[in-house]
N, C-alpha and C. Protein backbone atom coordinates (compact mmCIF):
# COMPACT_ATOMS: atom_id res chain seq x y z
N MET A 1 0.83 -1.21 0.00
CA MET A 1 0.00 0.00 0.00
C MET A 1 0.86 1.26 0.00
N LYS A 2 1.99 1.19 0.66
CA LYS A 2 2.86 2.37 0.72
C LYS A 2 3.24 2.83 -0.69
N GLN A 3 3.67 1.90 -1.53
CA GLN A 3 4.06 2.24 -2.90
C GLN A 3 2.85 2.70 -3.71
N HIS A 4 1.73 2.05 -3.51
CA HIS A 4 0.48 2.42 -4.18
C HIS A 4 0.14 3.88 -3.86
N ASN A 5 0.19 4.24 -2.59
CA ASN A 5 -0.09 5.61 -2.15
C ASN A 5 0.91 6.61 -2.72
N GLU A 6 2.19 6.28 -2.62
CA GLU A 6 3.23 7.20 -3.09
C GLU A 6 3.12 7.45 -4.59
N ASN A 7 2.93 6.38 -5.35
CA ASN A 7 2.81 6.53 -6.80
C ASN A 7 1.60 7.37 -7.18
N ALA A 8 0.47 7.11 -6.54
CA ALA A 8 -0.75 7.87 -6.86
C ALA A 8 -0.57 9.35 -6.53
N ALA A 9 0.08 9.65 -5.42
CA ALA A 9 0.31 11.05 -5.04
C ALA A 9 1.19 11.74 -6.08
N ARG A 10 2.20 11.05 -6.55
CA ARG A 10 3.10 11.64 -7.56
C ARG A 10 2.37 11.83 -8.89
N VAL A 11 1.60 10.84 -9.29
CA VAL A 11 0.85 10.94 -10.54
C VAL A 11 -0.18 12.07 -10.45
N ALA A 12 -0.90 12.16 -9.34
CA ALA A 12 -1.91 13.21 -9.17
C ALA A 12 -1.27 14.60 -9.24
N ALA A 13 -0.14 14.78 -8.58
CA ALA A 13 0.55 16.08 -8.60
C ALA A 13 1.01 16.41 -10.02
N PHE A 14 1.53 15.42 -10.72
CA PHE A 14 1.95 15.62 -12.11
C PHE A 14 0.76 16.05 -12.96
N LEU A 15 -0.34 15.31 -12.88
CA LEU A 15 -1.51 15.61 -13.70
C LEU A 15 -2.07 17.00 -13.40
N GLU A 16 -2.08 17.37 -12.13
CA GLU A 16 -2.63 18.68 -11.77
C GLU A 16 -1.85 19.83 -12.39
N ALA A 17 -0.58 19.63 -12.67
CA ALA A 17 0.26 20.68 -13.25
C ALA A 17 0.23 20.70 -14.78
N GLU A 18 -0.43 19.73 -15.38
CA GLU A 18 -0.44 19.62 -16.84
C GLU A 18 -1.52 20.49 -17.49
N PRO A 19 -1.16 21.29 -18.49
CA PRO A 19 -2.16 22.13 -19.16
C PRO A 19 -3.26 21.35 -19.88
N ALA A 20 -2.98 20.11 -20.31
CA ALA A 20 -3.97 19.31 -21.02
C ALA A 20 -4.96 18.64 -20.08
N VAL A 21 -4.77 18.83 -18.77
CA VAL A 21 -5.67 18.26 -17.77
C VAL A 21 -6.50 19.38 -17.16
N GLU A 22 -7.80 19.21 -17.21
CA GLU A 22 -8.73 20.23 -16.72
C GLU A 22 -8.87 20.20 -15.20
N ARG A 23 -8.97 19.00 -14.63
CA ARG A 23 -9.20 18.88 -13.18
C ARG A 23 -8.76 17.50 -12.72
N VAL A 24 -8.21 17.43 -11.51
CA VAL A 24 -7.77 16.16 -10.92
C VAL A 24 -8.53 15.94 -9.62
N TYR A 25 -8.99 14.72 -9.42
CA TYR A 25 -9.68 14.33 -8.19
C TYR A 25 -8.80 13.32 -7.46
N TYR A 26 -8.18 13.76 -6.39
CA TYR A 26 -7.36 12.90 -5.55
C TYR A 26 -7.36 13.51 -4.15
N PRO A 27 -7.83 12.80 -3.14
CA PRO A 27 -8.00 13.42 -1.82
C PRO A 27 -6.70 13.89 -1.17
N GLY A 28 -5.56 13.46 -1.69
CA GLY A 28 -4.28 13.91 -1.15
C GLY A 28 -3.86 15.27 -1.66
N LEU A 29 -4.54 15.80 -2.66
CA LEU A 29 -4.21 17.12 -3.18
C LEU A 29 -4.95 18.20 -2.40
N PRO A 30 -4.28 19.28 -2.04
CA PRO A 30 -4.96 20.37 -1.34
C PRO A 30 -6.13 20.94 -2.12
N SER A 31 -6.14 20.80 -3.45
CA SER A 31 -7.23 21.31 -4.27
C SER A 31 -8.50 20.45 -4.18
N HIS A 32 -8.40 19.26 -3.63
CA HIS A 32 -9.58 18.39 -3.53
C HIS A 32 -10.55 18.98 -2.51
N PRO A 33 -11.85 19.03 -2.82
CA PRO A 33 -12.80 19.66 -1.90
C PRO A 33 -12.89 18.99 -0.52
N ASP A 34 -12.52 17.74 -0.42
CA ASP A 34 -12.57 17.04 0.86
C ASP A 34 -11.19 16.73 1.42
N HIS A 35 -10.20 17.51 1.03
CA HIS A 35 -8.83 17.28 1.48
C HIS A 35 -8.70 17.33 3.00
N ALA A 36 -9.34 18.29 3.64
CA ALA A 36 -9.26 18.40 5.11
C ALA A 36 -9.84 17.17 5.79
N VAL A 37 -10.95 16.68 5.28
CA VAL A 37 -11.56 15.47 5.84
C VAL A 37 -10.64 14.28 5.62
N ALA A 38 -10.08 14.18 4.42
CA ALA A 38 -9.16 13.07 4.11
C ALA A 38 -7.95 13.10 5.04
N ASN A 39 -7.45 14.28 5.34
CA ASN A 39 -6.31 14.39 6.26
C ASN A 39 -6.64 13.81 7.64
N ARG A 40 -7.85 14.01 8.07
CA ARG A 40 -8.26 13.48 9.38
C ARG A 40 -8.49 11.97 9.34
N LEU A 41 -9.04 11.48 8.24
CA LEU A 41 -9.45 10.08 8.17
C LEU A 41 -8.36 9.13 7.68
N PHE A 42 -7.54 9.58 6.77
CA PHE A 42 -6.54 8.71 6.16
C PHE A 42 -5.19 8.95 6.82
N THR A 43 -4.75 8.01 7.61
CA THR A 43 -3.51 8.20 8.37
C THR A 43 -2.30 7.58 7.68
N ARG A 44 -2.52 6.74 6.67
CA ARG A 44 -1.39 6.07 6.01
C ARG A 44 -1.32 6.34 4.52
N GLY A 45 -1.96 7.36 4.07
CA GLY A 45 -1.96 7.68 2.65
C GLY A 45 -3.38 7.85 2.14
N TYR A 46 -3.49 8.23 0.90
CA TYR A 46 -4.78 8.58 0.32
C TYR A 46 -5.28 7.57 -0.71
N GLY A 47 -4.61 6.46 -0.83
CA GLY A 47 -5.03 5.44 -1.78
C GLY A 47 -4.45 5.65 -3.16
N GLY A 48 -4.85 4.79 -4.06
CA GLY A 48 -4.27 4.80 -5.40
C GLY A 48 -5.21 5.22 -6.51
N MET A 49 -6.42 5.65 -6.16
CA MET A 49 -7.39 6.05 -7.18
C MET A 49 -7.24 7.53 -7.53
N VAL A 50 -7.05 7.80 -8.80
CA VAL A 50 -6.93 9.17 -9.31
C VAL A 50 -7.88 9.29 -10.49
N SER A 51 -8.75 10.27 -10.45
CA SER A 51 -9.63 10.56 -11.58
C SER A 51 -9.31 11.95 -12.09
N PHE A 52 -9.50 12.15 -13.37
CA PHE A 52 -9.21 13.48 -13.93
C PHE A 52 -9.97 13.70 -15.22
N HIS A 53 -10.13 14.97 -15.55
CA HIS A 53 -10.77 15.37 -16.80
C HIS A 53 -9.69 15.88 -17.74
N ILE A 54 -9.66 15.31 -18.92
CA ILE A 54 -8.81 15.81 -19.99
C ILE A 54 -9.48 17.06 -20.54
N ARG A 55 -8.70 18.06 -20.93
CA ARG A 55 -9.30 19.22 -21.59
C ARG A 55 -9.87 18.76 -22.93
N GLY A 56 -11.09 19.16 -23.19
CA GLY A 56 -11.74 18.76 -24.43
C GLY A 56 -12.89 17.83 -24.16
N GLY A 57 -13.16 16.96 -25.09
CA GLY A 57 -14.31 16.09 -24.97
C GLY A 57 -13.97 14.63 -25.09
N LEU A 58 -14.94 13.86 -25.53
CA LEU A 58 -14.81 12.41 -25.63
C LEU A 58 -13.66 12.01 -26.54
N ASP A 59 -13.54 12.65 -27.69
CA ASP A 59 -12.48 12.29 -28.64
C ASP A 59 -11.10 12.58 -28.06
N ASP A 60 -10.97 13.67 -27.32
CA ASP A 60 -9.68 14.00 -26.70
C ASP A 60 -9.32 12.96 -25.64
N ALA A 61 -10.30 12.57 -24.85
CA ALA A 61 -10.06 11.54 -23.83
C ALA A 61 -9.69 10.22 -24.49
N SER A 62 -10.34 9.89 -25.58
CA SER A 62 -10.04 8.65 -26.29
C SER A 62 -8.63 8.67 -26.88
N ARG A 63 -8.22 9.80 -27.44
CA ARG A 63 -6.86 9.92 -27.97
C ARG A 63 -5.83 9.70 -26.86
N PHE A 64 -6.10 10.28 -25.69
CA PHE A 64 -5.20 10.10 -24.55
C PHE A 64 -5.12 8.63 -24.15
N VAL A 65 -6.27 8.00 -23.98
CA VAL A 65 -6.31 6.59 -23.58
C VAL A 65 -5.59 5.72 -24.61
N ASP A 66 -5.87 5.95 -25.89
CA ASP A 66 -5.25 5.16 -26.95
C ASP A 66 -3.73 5.34 -26.99
N ALA A 67 -3.25 6.52 -26.61
CA ALA A 67 -1.81 6.80 -26.66
C ALA A 67 -1.07 6.29 -25.43
N SER A 68 -1.77 5.98 -24.37
CA SER A 68 -1.13 5.46 -23.15
C SER A 68 -0.75 4.00 -23.38
N THR A 69 0.46 3.65 -22.98
CA THR A 69 0.91 2.27 -23.21
C THR A 69 1.16 1.50 -21.91
N LEU A 70 1.49 2.17 -20.84
CA LEU A 70 1.80 1.46 -19.60
C LEU A 70 0.56 1.00 -18.84
N PRO A 71 -0.45 1.84 -18.65
CA PRO A 71 -1.65 1.34 -17.95
C PRO A 71 -2.40 0.31 -18.79
N ASN A 72 -2.96 -0.67 -18.12
CA ASN A 72 -3.84 -1.62 -18.78
C ASN A 72 -5.24 -1.03 -18.82
N LEU A 73 -5.90 -1.14 -19.94
CA LEU A 73 -7.26 -0.64 -20.08
C LEU A 73 -8.19 -1.69 -19.47
N ALA A 74 -8.93 -1.28 -18.43
CA ALA A 74 -9.78 -2.25 -17.72
C ALA A 74 -10.86 -1.52 -16.94
N PRO A 75 -12.08 -2.06 -16.93
CA PRO A 75 -13.13 -1.44 -16.13
C PRO A 75 -12.96 -1.74 -14.64
N SER A 76 -12.17 -2.75 -14.30
CA SER A 76 -11.88 -3.07 -12.90
C SER A 76 -10.88 -2.04 -12.39
N MET A 77 -10.95 -1.72 -11.14
CA MET A 77 -10.02 -0.73 -10.61
C MET A 77 -9.20 -1.28 -9.46
N GLY A 78 -8.77 -2.53 -9.54
CA GLY A 78 -7.95 -3.09 -8.47
C GLY A 78 -6.91 -4.03 -9.02
N GLY A 79 -5.67 -3.87 -8.57
CA GLY A 79 -4.59 -4.73 -8.98
C GLY A 79 -3.26 -4.08 -8.65
N VAL A 80 -2.18 -4.79 -8.90
CA VAL A 80 -0.86 -4.22 -8.62
C VAL A 80 -0.33 -3.44 -9.81
N GLU A 81 -0.94 -3.62 -10.98
CA GLU A 81 -0.56 -2.87 -12.15
C GLU A 81 -1.50 -1.68 -12.31
N THR A 82 -1.03 -0.64 -12.98
CA THR A 82 -1.88 0.53 -13.20
C THR A 82 -2.97 0.18 -14.20
N LEU A 83 -4.20 0.50 -13.83
CA LEU A 83 -5.36 0.26 -14.67
C LEU A 83 -6.01 1.59 -15.02
N MET A 84 -6.48 1.70 -16.25
CA MET A 84 -7.11 2.93 -16.73
C MET A 84 -8.49 2.61 -17.27
N GLU A 85 -9.42 3.51 -17.03
CA GLU A 85 -10.77 3.36 -17.57
C GLU A 85 -11.24 4.69 -18.11
N GLN A 86 -11.96 4.64 -19.22
CA GLN A 86 -12.67 5.78 -19.78
C GLN A 86 -14.15 5.49 -19.57
N PRO A 87 -14.72 5.96 -18.45
CA PRO A 87 -16.08 5.57 -18.07
C PRO A 87 -17.15 5.80 -19.14
N ALA A 88 -17.05 6.88 -19.90
CA ALA A 88 -18.07 7.16 -20.91
C ALA A 88 -18.15 6.08 -21.97
N LEU A 89 -17.04 5.38 -22.21
CA LEU A 89 -17.03 4.33 -23.24
C LEU A 89 -16.93 2.93 -22.66
N MET A 90 -16.85 2.84 -21.35
CA MET A 90 -16.70 1.52 -20.75
C MET A 90 -17.85 1.22 -19.79
N SER A 91 -17.73 1.61 -18.56
CA SER A 91 -18.72 1.22 -17.56
C SER A 91 -20.06 1.94 -17.70
N PHE A 92 -20.12 3.04 -18.44
CA PHE A 92 -21.38 3.78 -18.62
C PHE A 92 -21.72 3.97 -20.10
N TYR A 93 -21.22 3.08 -20.96
CA TYR A 93 -21.41 3.23 -22.40
C TYR A 93 -22.87 3.16 -22.83
N GLU A 94 -23.71 2.45 -22.04
CA GLU A 94 -25.10 2.26 -22.44
C GLU A 94 -25.95 3.50 -22.21
N LEU A 95 -25.43 4.47 -21.49
CA LEU A 95 -26.17 5.71 -21.23
C LEU A 95 -25.86 6.75 -22.30
N SER A 96 -26.81 7.61 -22.53
CA SER A 96 -26.59 8.72 -23.47
C SER A 96 -25.67 9.74 -22.80
N PRO A 97 -25.06 10.62 -23.57
CA PRO A 97 -24.24 11.68 -22.97
C PRO A 97 -25.02 12.50 -21.93
N GLU A 98 -26.29 12.74 -22.20
CA GLU A 98 -27.11 13.52 -21.27
C GLU A 98 -27.34 12.75 -19.96
N GLN A 99 -27.59 11.45 -20.08
CA GLN A 99 -27.78 10.63 -18.88
C GLN A 99 -26.48 10.55 -18.07
N ARG A 100 -25.36 10.41 -18.76
CA ARG A 100 -24.07 10.38 -18.05
C ARG A 100 -23.84 11.70 -17.32
N ALA A 101 -24.14 12.80 -18.00
CA ALA A 101 -23.95 14.12 -17.38
C ALA A 101 -24.81 14.27 -16.12
N GLU A 102 -26.02 13.74 -16.17
CA GLU A 102 -26.92 13.81 -15.01
C GLU A 102 -26.35 13.14 -13.78
N ILE A 103 -25.58 12.08 -13.98
CA ILE A 103 -25.02 11.36 -12.83
C ILE A 103 -23.54 11.70 -12.60
N GLY A 104 -23.04 12.72 -13.30
CA GLY A 104 -21.69 13.21 -13.05
C GLY A 104 -20.58 12.50 -13.79
N ILE A 105 -20.91 11.77 -14.85
CA ILE A 105 -19.89 11.10 -15.65
C ILE A 105 -19.64 11.93 -16.90
N ALA A 106 -18.59 12.71 -16.87
CA ALA A 106 -18.25 13.59 -17.99
C ALA A 106 -17.64 12.79 -19.14
N GLU A 107 -17.81 13.29 -20.33
CA GLU A 107 -17.27 12.63 -21.52
C GLU A 107 -15.74 12.56 -21.49
N ASN A 108 -15.10 13.49 -20.79
CA ASN A 108 -13.65 13.58 -20.77
C ASN A 108 -13.03 13.02 -19.48
N LEU A 109 -13.79 12.23 -18.74
CA LEU A 109 -13.32 11.67 -17.47
C LEU A 109 -12.45 10.44 -17.71
N ILE A 110 -11.34 10.37 -17.00
CA ILE A 110 -10.44 9.22 -17.00
C ILE A 110 -10.26 8.78 -15.55
N ARG A 111 -10.28 7.47 -15.33
CA ARG A 111 -10.04 6.93 -13.98
C ARG A 111 -8.79 6.07 -14.02
N LEU A 112 -7.93 6.28 -13.04
CA LEU A 112 -6.70 5.48 -12.91
C LEU A 112 -6.68 4.81 -11.56
N SER A 113 -6.33 3.55 -11.55
CA SER A 113 -5.96 2.87 -10.32
C SER A 113 -4.45 2.71 -10.45
N VAL A 114 -3.72 3.55 -9.76
CA VAL A 114 -2.26 3.61 -9.92
C VAL A 114 -1.64 2.40 -9.23
N GLY A 115 -0.79 1.72 -9.97
CA GLY A 115 -0.18 0.49 -9.48
C GLY A 115 1.21 0.69 -8.91
N LEU A 116 1.98 -0.38 -8.94
CA LEU A 116 3.28 -0.42 -8.28
C LEU A 116 4.46 -0.21 -9.23
N GLU A 117 4.19 0.12 -10.49
CA GLU A 117 5.27 0.38 -11.42
C GLU A 117 6.13 1.55 -10.91
N ASP A 118 7.26 1.75 -11.54
CA ASP A 118 8.07 2.91 -11.21
C ASP A 118 7.27 4.17 -11.57
N ALA A 119 7.12 5.07 -10.62
CA ALA A 119 6.30 6.26 -10.83
C ALA A 119 6.80 7.11 -11.99
N GLU A 120 8.11 7.20 -12.14
CA GLU A 120 8.66 8.01 -13.24
C GLU A 120 8.33 7.39 -14.60
N ASP A 121 8.32 6.07 -14.69
CA ASP A 121 7.92 5.41 -15.94
C ASP A 121 6.45 5.72 -16.26
N LEU A 122 5.63 5.64 -15.26
CA LEU A 122 4.21 5.92 -15.45
C LEU A 122 3.98 7.37 -15.84
N ILE A 123 4.63 8.29 -15.16
CA ILE A 123 4.49 9.72 -15.48
C ILE A 123 4.99 10.01 -16.89
N ALA A 124 6.10 9.39 -17.29
CA ALA A 124 6.61 9.60 -18.65
C ALA A 124 5.60 9.12 -19.69
N ASP A 125 4.97 7.99 -19.43
CA ASP A 125 3.96 7.48 -20.36
C ASP A 125 2.75 8.41 -20.42
N LEU A 126 2.29 8.87 -19.28
CA LEU A 126 1.14 9.79 -19.25
C LEU A 126 1.49 11.11 -19.93
N ARG A 127 2.71 11.60 -19.72
CA ARG A 127 3.15 12.86 -20.36
C ARG A 127 3.12 12.70 -21.88
N ARG A 128 3.64 11.59 -22.37
CA ARG A 128 3.66 11.34 -23.81
C ARG A 128 2.22 11.26 -24.36
N ALA A 129 1.34 10.58 -23.64
CA ALA A 129 -0.06 10.46 -24.07
C ALA A 129 -0.78 11.81 -24.06
N LEU A 130 -0.44 12.65 -23.10
CA LEU A 130 -1.07 13.97 -23.02
C LEU A 130 -0.71 14.84 -24.22
N CYS A 131 0.40 14.54 -24.87
CA CYS A 131 0.77 15.29 -26.06
C CYS A 131 -0.23 15.08 -27.21
N GLN A 132 -1.07 14.05 -27.09
CA GLN A 132 -2.09 13.77 -28.10
C GLN A 132 -3.35 14.62 -27.88
N VAL A 133 -3.37 15.36 -26.79
CA VAL A 133 -4.52 16.19 -26.44
C VAL A 133 -4.12 17.66 -26.59
N THR A 134 -4.90 18.42 -27.31
CA THR A 134 -4.61 19.84 -27.49
C THR A 134 -5.21 20.60 -26.31
N PRO A 135 -4.36 21.26 -25.48
CA PRO A 135 -4.93 22.05 -24.38
C PRO A 135 -5.89 23.10 -24.93
N GLY A 136 -7.03 23.24 -24.23
CA GLY A 136 -8.03 24.13 -24.75
C GLY A 136 -8.31 25.27 -23.88
């Protein structure tokens, strides 16, 4: 868990600084709306789940996902390897864009379960994939 937490914190901080990323959801970031609560509740780290919005829409998110090579594409979010999901096209594909929006699933949402790989390798892969997205 220690490595899982450390890697996710590094990935979240990297993503938050990227112009091609609109917003990052990770309770370990001070920008997270529940960061103060997370500080009180989580005594050994903030976990490995990181969600974020790519700038742009569904096609931009798809280009990013397609360009990523290190994360495994999977709707499951648990394992020792980094897993990535594009909810609009995977776990919520049967809903219309309007229905997804009603329940808070944006077209440009990406979910990562950050694994135990070397964090720098993962960040390098994400950086390269982000080059496929035009900051808007």
